């Protein structure tokens, strides 16, 4: 999949997290995409298994199988938690039928035909 902000694109793989409402990107990925905090912007706090993390919300253009859409992501403001990117359900799960093929170790995203591309 591709994450895009402005003219900057980032090719990546994201872990599908059916329990997550929002997708998540790391501090480094957000910086690579050109995100920055505004002077007066406050960070939000969340408790995770790894402890407390600071984050802000950002819109990102996402491309999955040549289908482009805008979705809201959590952009971590701490380096805690590694570099794993998570694909959450909000927006994404509404746009695709997602099939998990356990035996083949595949996840198949099929664009919902009732939506415009």
PDB file of N, CA and C in Angstrom:
ATOM      1  N   UNK A   1       0.837  -1.158   0.000  1.00  0.00           N
ATOM      2  CA  UNK A   1       0.000   0.000   0.000  1.00  0.00           C
ATOM      3  C   UNK A   1       0.888   1.229   0.000  1.00  0.00           C
ATOM      4  N   UNK A   2       0.288   2.356  -0.347  1.00  0.00           N
ATOM      5  CA  UNK A   2       1.024   3.612  -0.422  1.00  0.00           C
ATOM      6  C   UNK A   2       0.335   4.633   0.472  1.00  0.00           C
ATOM      7  N   UNK A   3       1.130   5.319   1.278  1.00  0.00           N
ATOM      8  CA  UNK A   3       0.664   6.460   2.057  1.00  0.00           C
ATOM      9  C   UNK A   3       1.192   7.700   1.374  1.00  0.00           C
ATOM     10  N   UNK A   4       0.364   8.743   1.281  1.00  0.00           N
ATOM     11  CA  UNK A   4       0.783   9.942   0.566  1.00  0.00           C
ATOM     12  C   UNK A   4       0.320  11.187   1.317  1.00  0.00           C
ATOM     13  N   UNK A   5       1.209  12.182   1.371  1.00  0.00           N
ATOM     14  CA  UNK A   5       0.891  13.492   1.923  1.00  0.00           C
ATOM     15  C   UNK A   5       1.566  14.515   1.015  1.00  0.00           C
ATOM     16  N   UNK A   6       0.772  15.357   0.380  1.00  0.00           N
ATOM     17  CA  UNK A   6       1.346  16.296  -0.588  1.00  0.00           C
ATOM     18  C   UNK A   6       1.960  15.527  -1.738  1.00  0.00           C
ATOM     19  N   UNK A   7       3.210  15.814  -2.036  1.00  0.00           N
ATOM     20  CA  UNK A   7       3.917  15.136  -3.125  1.00  0.00           C
ATOM     21  C   UNK A   7       4.754  13.956  -2.648  1.00  0.00           C
ATOM     22  N   UNK A   8       4.714  13.658  -1.359  1.00  0.00           N
ATOM     23  CA  UNK A   8       5.566  12.617  -0.795  1.00  0.00           C
ATOM     24  C   UNK A   8       4.781  11.319  -0.668  1.00  0.00           C
ATOM     25  N   UNK A   9       5.347  10.232  -1.197  1.00  0.00           N
ATOM     26  CA  UNK A   9       4.733   8.906  -1.110  1.00  0.00           C
ATOM     27  C   UNK A   9       5.621   7.973  -0.297  1.00  0.00           C
ATOM     28  N   UNK A  10       4.984   7.071   0.430  1.00  0.00           N
ATOM     29  CA  UNK A  10       5.691   6.095   1.243  1.00  0.00           C
ATOM     30  C   UNK A  10       5.075   4.723   0.996  1.00  0.00           C
ATOM     31  N   UNK A  11       5.831   3.831   0.363  1.00  0.00           N
ATOM     32  CA  UNK A  11       5.377   2.457   0.117  1.00  0.00           C
ATOM     33  C   UNK A  11       5.606   1.634   1.373  1.00  0.00           C
ATOM     34  N   UNK A  12       4.575   0.928   1.813  1.00  0.00           N
ATOM     35  CA  UNK A  12       4.702   0.204   3.074  1.00  0.00           C
ATOM     36  C   UNK A  12       3.778  -1.000   3.127  1.00  0.00           C
ATOM     37  N   UNK A  13       3.933  -1.759   4.170  1.00  0.00           N
ATOM     38  CA  UNK A  13       3.027  -2.838   4.536  1.00  0.00           C
ATOM     39  C   UNK A  13       2.499  -2.494   5.911  1.00  0.00           C
ATOM     40  N   UNK A  14       1.208  -2.691   6.119  1.00  0.00           N
ATOM     41  CA  UNK A  14       0.607  -2.402   7.421  1.00  0.00           C
ATOM     42  C   UNK A  14      -0.031  -3.665   7.975  1.00  0.00           C
ATOM     43  N   UNK A  15       0.039  -3.819   9.266  1.00  0.00           N
ATOM     44  CA  UNK A  15      -0.592  -4.933   9.951  1.00  0.00           C
ATOM     45  C   UNK A  15      -2.084  -4.642  10.066  1.00  0.00           C
ATOM     46  N   UNK A  16      -2.934  -5.522   9.554  1.00  0.00           N
ATOM     47  CA  UNK A  16      -4.385  -5.340   9.636  1.00  0.00           C
ATOM     48  C   UNK A  16      -4.811  -5.644  11.066  1.00  0.00           C
ATOM     49  N   UNK A  17      -5.428  -4.645  11.714  1.00  0.00           N
ATOM     50  CA  UNK A  17      -5.855  -4.771  13.103  1.00  0.00           C
ATOM     51  C   UNK A  17      -7.366  -4.557  13.170  1.00  0.00           C
ATOM     52  N   UNK A  18      -8.109  -5.652  13.149  1.00  0.00           N
ATOM     53  CA  UNK A  18      -9.573  -5.549  13.122  1.00  0.00           C
ATOM     54  C   UNK A  18     -10.126  -4.952  14.409  1.00  0.00           C
ATOM     55  N   UNK A  19      -9.336  -4.923  15.464  1.00  0.00           N
ATOM     56  CA  UNK A  19      -9.782  -4.340  16.722  1.00  0.00           C
ATOM     57  C   UNK A  19      -9.482  -2.860  16.851  1.00  0.00           C
ATOM     58  N   UNK A  20      -8.730  -2.301  15.913  1.00  0.00           N
ATOM     59  CA  UNK A  20      -8.359  -0.887  15.971  1.00  0.00           C
ATOM     60  C   UNK A  20      -9.348  -0.048  15.170  1.00  0.00           C
ATOM     61  N   UNK A  21      -9.809   1.028  15.770  1.00  0.00           N
ATOM     62  CA  UNK A  21     -10.714   1.923  15.060  1.00  0.00           C
ATOM     63  C   UNK A  21      -9.943   2.728  14.014  1.00  0.00           C
ATOM     64  N   UNK A  22      -8.801   3.279  14.400  1.00  0.00           N
ATOM     65  CA  UNK A  22      -8.010   4.122  13.503  1.00  0.00           C
ATOM     66  C   UNK A  22      -6.710   3.437  13.113  1.00  0.00           C
ATOM     67  N   UNK A  23      -6.188   3.814  11.965  1.00  0.00           N
ATOM     68  CA  UNK A  23      -4.877   3.346  11.541  1.00  0.00           C
ATOM     69  C   UNK A  23      -3.813   4.126  12.310  1.00  0.00           C
ATOM     70  N   UNK A  24      -2.614   3.579  12.372  1.00  0.00           N
ATOM     71  CA  UNK A  24      -1.543   4.167  13.155  1.00  0.00           C
ATOM     72  C   UNK A  24      -0.260   4.213  12.347  1.00  0.00           C
ATOM     73  N   UNK A  25       0.426   5.362  12.395  1.00  0.00           N
ATOM     74  CA  UNK A  25       1.746   5.476  11.780  1.00  0.00           C
ATOM     75  C   UNK A  25       2.742   5.928  12.835  1.00  0.00           C
ATOM     76  N   UNK A  26       3.994   5.569  12.642  1.00  0.00           N
ATOM     77  CA  UNK A  26       5.039   5.900  13.601  1.00  0.00           C
ATOM     78  C   UNK A  26       5.477   7.356  13.454  1.00  0.00           C
ATOM     79  N   UNK A  27       6.228   7.809  14.434  1.00  0.00           N
ATOM     80  CA  UNK A  27       6.796   9.153  14.403  1.00  0.00           C
ATOM     81  C   UNK A  27       7.643   9.335  13.142  1.00  0.00           C
ATOM     82  N   UNK A  28       8.507   8.360  12.842  1.00  0.00           N
ATOM     83  CA  UNK A  28       9.404   8.462  11.681  1.00  0.00           C
ATOM     84  C   UNK A  28       8.644   8.523  10.361  1.00  0.00           C
ATOM     85  N   UNK A  29       7.618   7.704  10.208  1.00  0.00           N
ATOM     86  CA  UNK A  29       6.852   7.700   8.960  1.00  0.00           C
ATOM     87  C   UNK A  29       6.148   9.038   8.779  1.00  0.00           C
ATOM     88  N   UNK A  30       5.558   9.560   9.833  1.00  0.00           N
ATOM     89  CA  UNK A  30       4.910  10.870   9.758  1.00  0.00           C
ATOM     90  C   UNK A  30       5.889  11.967   9.374  1.00  0.00           C
ATOM     91  N   UNK A  31       7.086  11.929   9.957  1.00  0.00           N
ATOM     92  CA  UNK A  31       8.109  12.919   9.611  1.00  0.00           C
ATOM     93  C   UNK A  31       8.535  12.764   8.156  1.00  0.00           C
ATOM     94  N   UNK A  32       8.686  11.533   7.697  1.00  0.00           N
ATOM     95  CA  UNK A  32       9.048  11.289   6.297  1.00  0.00           C
ATOM     96  C   UNK A  32       7.996  11.882   5.354  1.00  0.00           C
ATOM     97  N   UNK A  33       6.717  11.738   5.737  1.00  0.00           N
ATOM     98  CA  UNK A  33       5.631  12.268   4.911  1.00  0.00           C
ATOM     99  C   UNK A  33       5.530  13.794   4.968  1.00  0.00           C
ATOM    100  N   UNK A  34       6.276  14.411   5.878  1.00  0.00           N
ATOM    101  CA  UNK A  34       6.294  15.865   5.967  1.00  0.00           C
ATOM    102  C   UNK A  34       5.346  16.442   6.997  1.00  0.00           C
ATOM    103  N   UNK A  35       4.792  15.620   7.862  1.00  0.00           N
ATOM    104  CA  UNK A  35       3.933  16.127   8.921  1.00  0.00           C
ATOM    105  C   UNK A  35       4.770  16.859   9.966  1.00  0.00           C
ATOM    106  N   UNK A  36       4.182  17.879  10.572  1.00  0.00           N
ATOM    107  CA  UNK A  36       4.827  18.620  11.650  1.00  0.00           C
ATOM    108  C   UNK A  36       3.743  19.098  12.604  1.00  0.00           C
ATOM    109  N   UNK A  37       4.126  19.319  13.827  1.00  0.00           N
ATOM    110  CA  UNK A  37       3.198  19.877  14.797  1.00  0.00           C
ATOM    111  C   UNK A  37       3.125  21.386  14.625  1.00  0.00           C
ATOM    112  N   UNK A  38       1.933  21.930  14.730  1.00  0.00           N
ATOM    113  CA  UNK A  38       1.762  23.386  14.725  1.00  0.00           C
ATOM    114  C   UNK A  38       2.273  23.928  16.055  1.00  0.00           C
ATOM    115  N   UNK A  39       2.676  25.193  16.068  1.00  0.00           N
ATOM    116  CA  UNK A  39       3.235  25.794  17.285  1.00  0.00           C
ATOM    117  C   UNK A  39       2.343  25.625  18.499  1.00  0.00           C
ATOM    118  N   UNK A  40       1.055  25.802  18.348  1.00  0.00           N
ATOM    119  CA  UNK A  40       0.145  25.741  19.496  1.00  0.00           C
ATOM    120  C   UNK A  40      -0.595  24.410  19.601  1.00  0.00           C
ATOM    121  N   UNK A  41      -0.210  23.435  18.803  1.00  0.00           N
ATOM    122  CA  UNK A  41      -0.912  22.151  18.798  1.00  0.00           C
ATOM    123  C   UNK A  41      -0.548  21.311  20.021  1.00  0.00           C
ATOM    124  N   UNK A  42      -1.559  20.742  20.640  1.00  0.00           N
ATOM    125  CA  UNK A  42      -1.357  19.872  21.800  1.00  0.00           C
ATOM    126  C   UNK A  42      -1.428  18.415  21.361  1.00  0.00           C
ATOM    127  N   UNK A  43      -0.641  17.584  22.010  1.00  0.00           N
ATOM    128  CA  UNK A  43      -0.705  16.155  21.739  1.00  0.00           C
ATOM    129  C   UNK A  43      -1.755  15.522  22.636  1.00  0.00           C
ATOM    130  N   UNK A  44      -2.264  14.378  22.211  1.00  0.00           N
ATOM    131  CA  UNK A  44      -3.220  13.594  22.979  1.00  0.00           C
ATOM    132  C   UNK A  44      -2.464  12.442  23.628  1.00  0.00           C
ATOM    133  N   UNK A  45      -3.025  11.864  24.681  1.00  0.00           N
ATOM    134  CA  UNK A  45      -2.384  10.747  25.368  1.00  0.00           C
ATOM    135  C   UNK A  45      -3.251   9.503  25.283  1.00  0.00           C
ATOM    136  N   UNK A  46      -2.593   8.364  25.137  1.00  0.00           N
ATOM    137  CA  UNK A  46      -3.304   7.084  25.136  1.00  0.00           C
ATOM    138  C   UNK A  46      -2.489   6.069  25.928  1.00  0.00           C
ATOM    139  N   UNK A  47      -3.186   5.166  26.594  1.00  0.00           N
ATOM    140  CA  UNK A  47      -2.545   4.067  27.309  1.00  0.00           C
ATOM    141  C   UNK A  47      -2.547   2.840  26.411  1.00  0.00           C
ATOM    142  N   UNK A  48      -1.391   2.233  26.240  1.00  0.00           N
ATOM    143  CA  UNK A  48      -1.273   1.026  25.430  1.00  0.00           C
ATOM    144  C   UNK A  48      -0.622  -0.064  26.268  1.00  0.00           C
ATOM    145  N   UNK A  49      -0.488  -1.224  25.704  1.00  0.00           N
ATOM    146  CA  UNK A  49       0.183  -2.323  26.409  1.00  0.00           C
ATOM    147  C   UNK A  49       1.607  -1.924  26.769  1.00  0.00           C
ATOM    148  N   UNK A  50       2.242  -1.143  25.888  1.00  0.00           N
ATOM    149  CA  UNK A  50       3.620  -0.722  26.127  1.00  0.00           C
ATOM    150  C   UNK A  50       3.752   0.512  26.999  1.00  0.00           C
ATOM    151  N   UNK A  51       2.650   1.054  27.474  1.00  0.00           N
ATOM    152  CA  UNK A  51       2.701   2.248  28.312  1.00  0.00           C
ATOM    153  C   UNK A  51       1.989   3.412  27.647  1.00  0.00           C
ATOM    154  N   UNK A  52       2.218   4.591  28.151  1.00  0.00           N
ATOM    155  CA  UNK A  52       1.554   5.799  27.672  1.00  0.00           C
ATOM    156  C   UNK A  52       2.279   6.326  26.423  1.00  0.00           C
ATOM    157  N   UNK A  53       1.488   6.723  25.418  1.00  0.00           N
ATOM    158  CA  UNK A  53       2.054   7.314  24.201  1.00  0.00           C
ATOM    159  C   UNK A  53       1.350   8.630  23.892  1.00  0.00           C
ATOM    160  N   UNK A  54       2.087   9.535  23.284  1.00  0.00           N
ATOM    161  CA  UNK A  54       1.527  10.794  22.818  1.00  0.00           C
ATOM    162  C   UNK A  54       1.267  10.662  21.323  1.00  0.00           C
ATOM    163  N   UNK A  55       0.176  11.307  20.849  1.00  0.00           N
ATOM    164  CA  UNK A  55      -0.153  11.230  19.432  1.00  0.00           C
ATOM    165  C   UNK A  55      -0.946  12.456  19.012  1.00  0.00           C
ATOM    166  N   UNK A  56      -1.034  12.639  17.696  1.00  0.00           N
ATOM    167  CA  UNK A  56      -1.929  13.621  17.082  1.00  0.00           C
ATOM    168  C   UNK A  56      -2.627  12.912  15.927  1.00  0.00           C
ATOM    169  N   UNK A  57      -3.696  13.513  15.445  1.00  0.00           N
ATOM    170  CA  UNK A  57      -4.437  12.928  14.329  1.00  0.00           C
ATOM    171  C   UNK A  57      -4.094  13.664  13.042  1.00  0.00           C
ATOM    172  N   UNK A  58      -3.981  12.921  11.955  1.00  0.00           N
ATOM    173  CA  UNK A  58      -3.690  13.497  10.657  1.00  0.00           C
ATOM    174  C   UNK A  58      -4.494  12.774   9.586  1.00  0.00           C
ATOM    175  N   UNK A  59      -4.837  13.485   8.525  1.00  0.00           N
ATOM    176  CA  UNK A  59      -5.423  12.863   7.344  1.00  0.00           C
ATOM    177  C   UNK A  59      -4.285  12.427   6.436  1.00  0.00           C
ATOM    178  N   UNK A  60      -4.431  11.260   5.862  1.00  0.00           N
ATOM    179  CA  UNK A  60      -3.429  10.757   4.923  1.00  0.00           C
ATOM    180  C   UNK A  60      -4.166  10.168   3.723  1.00  0.00           C
ATOM    181  N   UNK A  61      -3.568  10.333   2.547  1.00  0.00           N
ATOM    182  CA  UNK A  61      -4.103   9.674   1.364  1.00  0.00           C
ATOM    183  C   UNK A  61      -3.519   8.268   1.339  1.00  0.00           C
ATOM    184  N   UNK A  62      -4.395   7.289   1.181  1.00  0.00           N
ATOM    185  CA  UNK A  62      -3.972   5.892   1.191  1.00  0.00           C
ATOM    186  C   UNK A  62      -4.363   5.255  -0.131  1.00  0.00           C
ATOM    187  N   UNK A  63      -3.483   4.421  -0.663  1.00  0.00           N
ATOM    188  CA  UNK A  63      -3.770   3.671  -1.881  1.00  0.00           C
ATOM    189  C   UNK A  63      -3.611   2.185  -1.582  1.00  0.00           C
ATOM    190  N   UNK A  64      -4.693   1.456  -1.813  1.00  0.00           N
ATOM    191  CA  UNK A  64      -4.674  -0.002  -1.690  1.00  0.00           C
ATOM    192  C   UNK A  64      -5.190  -0.552  -3.009  1.00  0.00           C
ATOM    193  N   UNK A  65      -4.398  -1.382  -3.663  1.00  0.00           N
ATOM    194  CA  UNK A  65      -4.789  -1.989  -4.949  1.00  0.00           C
ATOM    195  C   UNK A  65      -5.325  -0.935  -5.925  1.00  0.00           C
ATOM    196  N   UNK A  66      -4.607   0.152  -6.066  1.00  0.00           N
ATOM    197  CA  UNK A  66      -4.898   1.229  -7.018  1.00  0.00           C
ATOM    198  C   UNK A  66      -6.160   2.024  -6.679  1.00  0.00           C
ATOM    199  N   UNK A  67      -6.729   1.851  -5.491  1.00  0.00           N
ATOM    200  CA  UNK A  67      -7.880   2.633  -5.048  1.00  0.00           C
ATOM    201  C   UNK A  67      -7.394   3.669  -4.039  1.00  0.00           C
ATOM    202  N   UNK A  68      -7.655   4.952  -4.318  1.00  0.00           N
ATOM    203  CA  UNK A  68      -7.197   6.052  -3.469  1.00  0.00           C
ATOM    204  C   UNK A  68      -8.339   6.576  -2.617  1.00  0.00           C
ATOM    205  N   UNK A  69      -8.027   6.914  -1.374  1.00  0.00           N
ATOM    206  CA  UNK A  69      -9.006   7.515  -0.474  1.00  0.00           C
ATOM    207  C   UNK A  69      -8.251   8.215   0.654  1.00  0.00           C
ATOM    208  N   UNK A  70      -8.956   9.101   1.350  1.00  0.00           N
ATOM    209  CA  UNK A  70      -8.391   9.810   2.492  1.00  0.00           C
ATOM    210  C   UNK A  70      -8.898   9.149   3.758  1.00  0.00           C
ATOM    211  N   UNK A  71      -8.006   8.951   4.721  1.00  0.00           N
ATOM    212  CA  UNK A  71      -8.401   8.375   5.999  1.00  0.00           C
ATOM    213  C   UNK A  71      -7.660   9.078   7.127  1.00  0.00           C
ATOM    214  N   UNK A  72      -8.234   9.023   8.293  1.00  0.00           N
ATOM    215  CA  UNK A  72      -7.638   9.606   9.485  1.00  0.00           C
ATOM    216  C   UNK A  72      -6.686   8.598  10.099  1.00  0.00           C
ATOM    217  N   UNK A  73      -5.491   9.054  10.499  1.00  0.00           N
ATOM    218  CA  UNK A  73      -4.527   8.176  11.162  1.00  0.00           C
ATOM    219  C   UNK A  73      -4.053   8.791  12.470  1.00  0.00           C
ATOM    220  N   UNK A  74      -3.644   7.921  13.363  1.00  0.00           N
ATOM    221  CA  UNK A  74      -2.968   8.315  14.586  1.00  0.00           C
ATOM    222  C   UNK A  74      -1.486   8.411  14.245  1.00  0.00           C
ATOM    223  N   UNK A  75      -0.895   9.598  14.470  1.00  0.00           N
ATOM    224  CA  UNK A  75       0.540   9.780  14.246  1.00  0.00           C
ATOM    225  C   UNK A  75       1.208   9.847  15.617  1.00  0.00           C
ATOM    226  N   UNK A  76       1.947   8.802  15.951  1.00  0.00           N
ATOM    227  CA  UNK A  76       2.620   8.743  17.246  1.00  0.00           C
ATOM    228  C   UNK A  76       3.654   9.851  17.365  1.00  0.00           C
ATOM    229  N   UNK A  77       3.794  10.385  18.574  1.00  0.00           N
ATOM    230  CA  UNK A  77       4.783  11.424  18.839  1.00  0.00           C
ATOM    231  C   UNK A  77       5.901  10.930  19.735  1.00  0.00           C
ATOM    232  N   UNK A  78       5.914   9.635  19.972  1.00  0.00           N
ATOM    233  CA  UNK A  78       6.975   9.009  20.754  1.00  0.00           C
ATOM    234  C   UNK A  78       7.544   7.852  19.942  1.00  0.00           C
ATOM    235  N   UNK A  79       8.775   7.492  20.228  1.00  0.00           N
ATOM    236  CA  UNK A  79       9.411   6.384  19.511  1.00  0.00           C
ATOM    237  C   UNK A  79       9.079   5.036  20.128  1.00  0.00           C
ATOM    238  N   UNK A  80       8.303   5.029  21.182  1.00  0.00           N
ATOM    239  CA  UNK A  80       7.930   3.795  21.852  1.00  0.00           C
ATOM    240  C   UNK A  80       7.029   2.951  20.962  1.00  0.00           C
ATOM    241  N   UNK A  81       7.235   1.648  20.945  1.00  0.00           N
ATOM    242  CA  UNK A  81       6.330   0.769  20.224  1.00  0.00           C
ATOM    243  C   UNK A  81       6.852   0.311  18.872  1.00  0.00           C
ATOM    244  N   UNK A  82       8.077   0.686  18.514  1.00  0.00           N
ATOM    245  CA  UNK A  82       8.653   0.201  17.272  1.00  0.00           C
ATOM    246  C   UNK A  82       8.124   0.914  16.050  1.00  0.00           C
ATOM    247  N   UNK A  83       8.340   0.307  14.918  1.00  0.00           N
ATOM    248  CA  UNK A  83       7.980   0.926  13.649  1.00  0.00           C
ATOM    249  C   UNK A  83       6.788   0.277  12.977  1.00  0.00           C
ATOM    250  N   UNK A  84       6.096  -0.624  13.670  1.00  0.00           N
ATOM    251  CA  UNK A  84       4.955  -1.306  13.069  1.00  0.00           C
ATOM    252  C   UNK A  84       3.827  -0.329  12.775  1.00  0.00           C
ATOM    253  N   UNK A  85       3.306  -0.384  11.570  1.00  0.00           N
ATOM    254  CA  UNK A  85       2.178   0.441  11.172  1.00  0.00           C
ATOM    255  C   UNK A  85       0.922  -0.428  11.227  1.00  0.00           C
ATOM    256  N   UNK A  86      -0.167   0.152  11.730  1.00  0.00           N
ATOM    257  CA  UNK A  86      -1.408  -0.598  11.872  1.00  0.00           C
ATOM    258  C   UNK A  86      -2.483  -0.044  10.950  1.00  0.00           C
ATOM    259  N   UNK A  87      -3.210  -0.931  10.328  1.00  0.00           N
ATOM    260  CA  UNK A  87      -4.339  -0.555   9.482  1.00  0.00           C
ATOM    261  C   UNK A  87      -5.613  -0.811  10.275  1.00  0.00           C
ATOM    262  N   UNK A  88      -6.269   0.281  10.686  1.00  0.00           N
ATOM    263  CA  UNK A  88      -7.489   0.181  11.486  1.00  0.00           C
ATOM    264  C   UNK A  88      -8.733   0.198  10.626  1.00  0.00           C
ATOM    265  N   UNK A  89      -9.871   0.007  11.275  1.00  0.00           N
ATOM    266  CA  UNK A  89     -11.120  -0.193  10.565  1.00  0.00           C
ATOM    267  C   UNK A  89     -11.808   1.032  10.012  1.00  0.00           C
ATOM    268  N   UNK A  90     -11.696   2.179  10.697  1.00  0.00           N
ATOM    269  CA  UNK A  90     -12.456   3.346  10.255  1.00  0.00           C
ATOM    270  C   UNK A  90     -12.067   3.726   8.827  1.00  0.00           C
ATOM    271  N   UNK A  91     -13.008   3.939   7.998  1.00  0.00           N
ATOM    272  CA  UNK A  91     -12.895   4.271   6.568  1.00  0.00           C
ATOM    273  C   UNK A  91     -12.448   3.056   5.764  1.00  0.00           C
ATOM    274  N   UNK A  92     -11.314   2.466   6.090  1.00  0.00           N
ATOM    275  CA  UNK A  92     -10.741   1.380   5.283  1.00  0.00           C
ATOM    276  C   UNK A  92     -11.677   0.179   5.207  1.00  0.00           C
ATOM    277  N   UNK A  93     -12.186  -0.274   6.350  1.00  0.00           N
ATOM    278  CA  UNK A  93     -13.012  -1.474   6.359  1.00  0.00           C
ATOM    279  C   UNK A  93     -14.359  -1.234   5.689  1.00  0.00           C
ATOM    280  N   UNK A  94     -14.780   0.026   5.606  1.00  0.00           N
ATOM    281  CA  UNK A  94     -16.027   0.342   4.912  1.00  0.00           C
ATOM    282  C   UNK A  94     -15.863   0.338   3.401  1.00  0.00           C
ATOM    283  N   UNK A  95     -14.656   0.541   2.918  1.00  0.00           N
ATOM    284  CA  UNK A  95     -14.411   0.647   1.487  1.00  0.00           C
ATOM    285  C   UNK A  95     -14.062  -0.690   0.831  1.00  0.00           C
ATOM    286  N   UNK A  96     -13.645  -1.653   1.621  1.00  0.00           N
ATOM    287  CA  UNK A  96     -13.198  -2.938   1.085  1.00  0.00           C
ATOM    288  C   UNK A  96     -13.919  -4.093   1.749  1.00  0.00           C
ATOM    289  N   UNK A  97     -14.098  -5.169   1.001  1.00  0.00           N
ATOM    290  CA  UNK A  97     -14.401  -6.472   1.581  1.00  0.00           C
ATOM    291  C   UNK A  97     -13.038  -7.104   1.822  1.00  0.00           C
ATOM    292  N   UNK A  98     -12.803  -7.556   3.039  1.00  0.00           N
ATOM    293  CA  UNK A  98     -11.489  -8.084   3.407  1.00  0.00           C
ATOM    294  C   UNK A  98     -11.635  -9.559   3.724  1.00  0.00           C
ATOM    295  N   UNK A  99     -10.835 -10.356   3.019  1.00  0.00           N
ATOM    296  CA  UNK A  99     -10.896 -11.808   3.177  1.00  0.00           C
ATOM    297  C   UNK A  99      -9.566 -12.308   3.734  1.00  0.00           C
ATOM    298  N   UNK A 100      -9.640 -13.050   4.836  1.00  0.00           N
ATOM    299  CA  UNK A 100      -8.454 -13.632   5.446  1.00  0.00           C
ATOM    300  C   UNK A 100      -8.369 -15.090   5.018  1.00  0.00           C
ATOM    301  N   UNK A 101      -7.323 -15.443   4.301  1.00  0.00           N
ATOM    302  CA  UNK A 101      -7.103 -16.831   3.875  1.00  0.00           C
ATOM    303  C   UNK A 101      -5.956 -17.398   4.707  1.00  0.00           C
ATOM    304  N   UNK A 102      -6.320 -17.971   5.833  1.00  0.00           N
ATOM    305  CA  UNK A 102      -5.351 -18.435   6.821  1.00  0.00           C
ATOM    306  C   UNK A 102      -4.376 -19.449   6.234  1.00  0.00           C
ATOM    307  N   UNK A 103      -4.895 -20.464   5.549  1.00  0.00           N
ATOM    308  CA  UNK A 103      -4.031 -21.529   5.035  1.00  0.00           C
ATOM    309  C   UNK A 103      -3.024 -21.007   4.007  1.00  0.00           C
ATOM    310  N   UNK A 104      -3.410 -19.977   3.264  1.00  0.00           N
ATOM    311  CA  UNK A 104      -2.526 -19.420   2.233  1.00  0.00           C
ATOM    312  C   UNK A 104      -1.720 -18.229   2.750  1.00  0.00           C
ATOM    313  N   UNK A 105      -1.962 -17.847   4.012  1.00  0.00           N
ATOM    314  CA  UNK A 105      -1.302 -16.697   4.624  1.00  0.00           C
ATOM    315  C   UNK A 105      -1.461 -15.444   3.764  1.00  0.00           C
ATOM    316  N   UNK A 106      -2.709 -15.186   3.354  1.00  0.00           N
ATOM    317  CA  UNK A 106      -3.033 -14.041   2.512  1.00  0.00           C
ATOM    318  C   UNK A 106      -4.187 -13.246   3.096  1.00  0.00           C
ATOM    319  N   UNK A 107      -4.145 -11.951   2.853  1.00  0.00           N
ATOM    320  CA  UNK A 107      -5.273 -11.072   3.133  1.00  0.00           C
ATOM    321  C   UNK A 107      -5.617 -10.407   1.812  1.00  0.00           C
ATOM    322  N   UNK A 108      -6.873 -10.547   1.395  1.00  0.00           N
ATOM    323  CA  UNK A 108      -7.295 -10.034   0.094  1.00  0.00           C
ATOM    324  C   UNK A 108      -8.258  -8.867   0.300  1.00  0.00           C
ATOM    325  N   UNK A 109      -7.897  -7.722  -0.276  1.00  0.00           N
ATOM    326  CA  UNK A 109      -8.746  -6.536  -0.231  1.00  0.00           C
ATOM    327  C   UNK A 109      -9.478  -6.435  -1.561  1.00  0.00           C
ATOM    328  N   UNK A 110     -10.810  -6.418  -1.521  1.00  0.00           N
ATOM    329  CA  UNK A 110     -11.615  -6.267  -2.713  1.00  0.00           C
ATOM    330  C   UNK A 110     -12.448  -5.015  -2.561  1.00  0.00           C
ATOM    331  N   UNK A 111     -12.257  -4.065  -3.495  1.00  0.00           N
ATOM    332  CA  UNK A 111     -12.988  -2.791  -3.472  1.00  0.00           C
ATOM    333  C   UNK A 111     -14.475  -3.067  -3.593  1.00  0.00           C
ATOM    334  N   UNK A 112     -15.246  -2.433  -2.754  1.00  0.00           N
ATOM    335  CA  UNK A 112     -16.699  -2.610  -2.811  1.00  0.00           C
ATOM    336  C   UNK A 112     -17.220  -1.950  -4.089  1.00  0.00           C
ATOM    337  N   UNK A 113     -17.883  -2.721  -4.916  1.00  0.00           N
ATOM    338  CA  UNK A 113     -18.361  -2.256  -6.217  1.00  0.00           C
ATOM    339  C   UNK A 113     -19.425  -1.167  -6.115  1.00  0.00           C
ATOM    340  N   UNK A 114     -20.093  -1.065  -4.978  1.00  0.00           N
ATOM    341  CA  UNK A 114     -21.109  -0.048  -4.813  1.00  0.00           C
ATOM    342  C   UNK A 114     -20.528   1.322  -4.478  1.00  0.00           C
ATOM    343  N   UNK A 115     -19.199   1.401  -4.378  1.00  0.00           N
ATOM    344  CA  UNK A 115     -18.519   2.684  -4.106  1.00  0.00           C
ATOM    345  C   UNK A 115     -17.826   3.187  -5.355  1.00  0.00           C
ATOM    346  N   UNK A 116     -17.752   4.487  -5.490  1.00  0.00           N
ATOM    347  CA  UNK A 116     -16.993   5.062  -6.603  1.00  0.00           C
ATOM    348  C   UNK A 116     -15.523   5.056  -6.231  1.00  0.00           C
ATOM    349  N   UNK A 117     -14.662   4.782  -7.203  1.00  0.00           N
ATOM    350  CA  UNK A 117     -13.224   4.723  -6.959  1.00  0.00           C
ATOM    351  C   UNK A 117     -12.602   6.083  -6.888  1.00  0.00           C
TER     352      UNK A 117
END
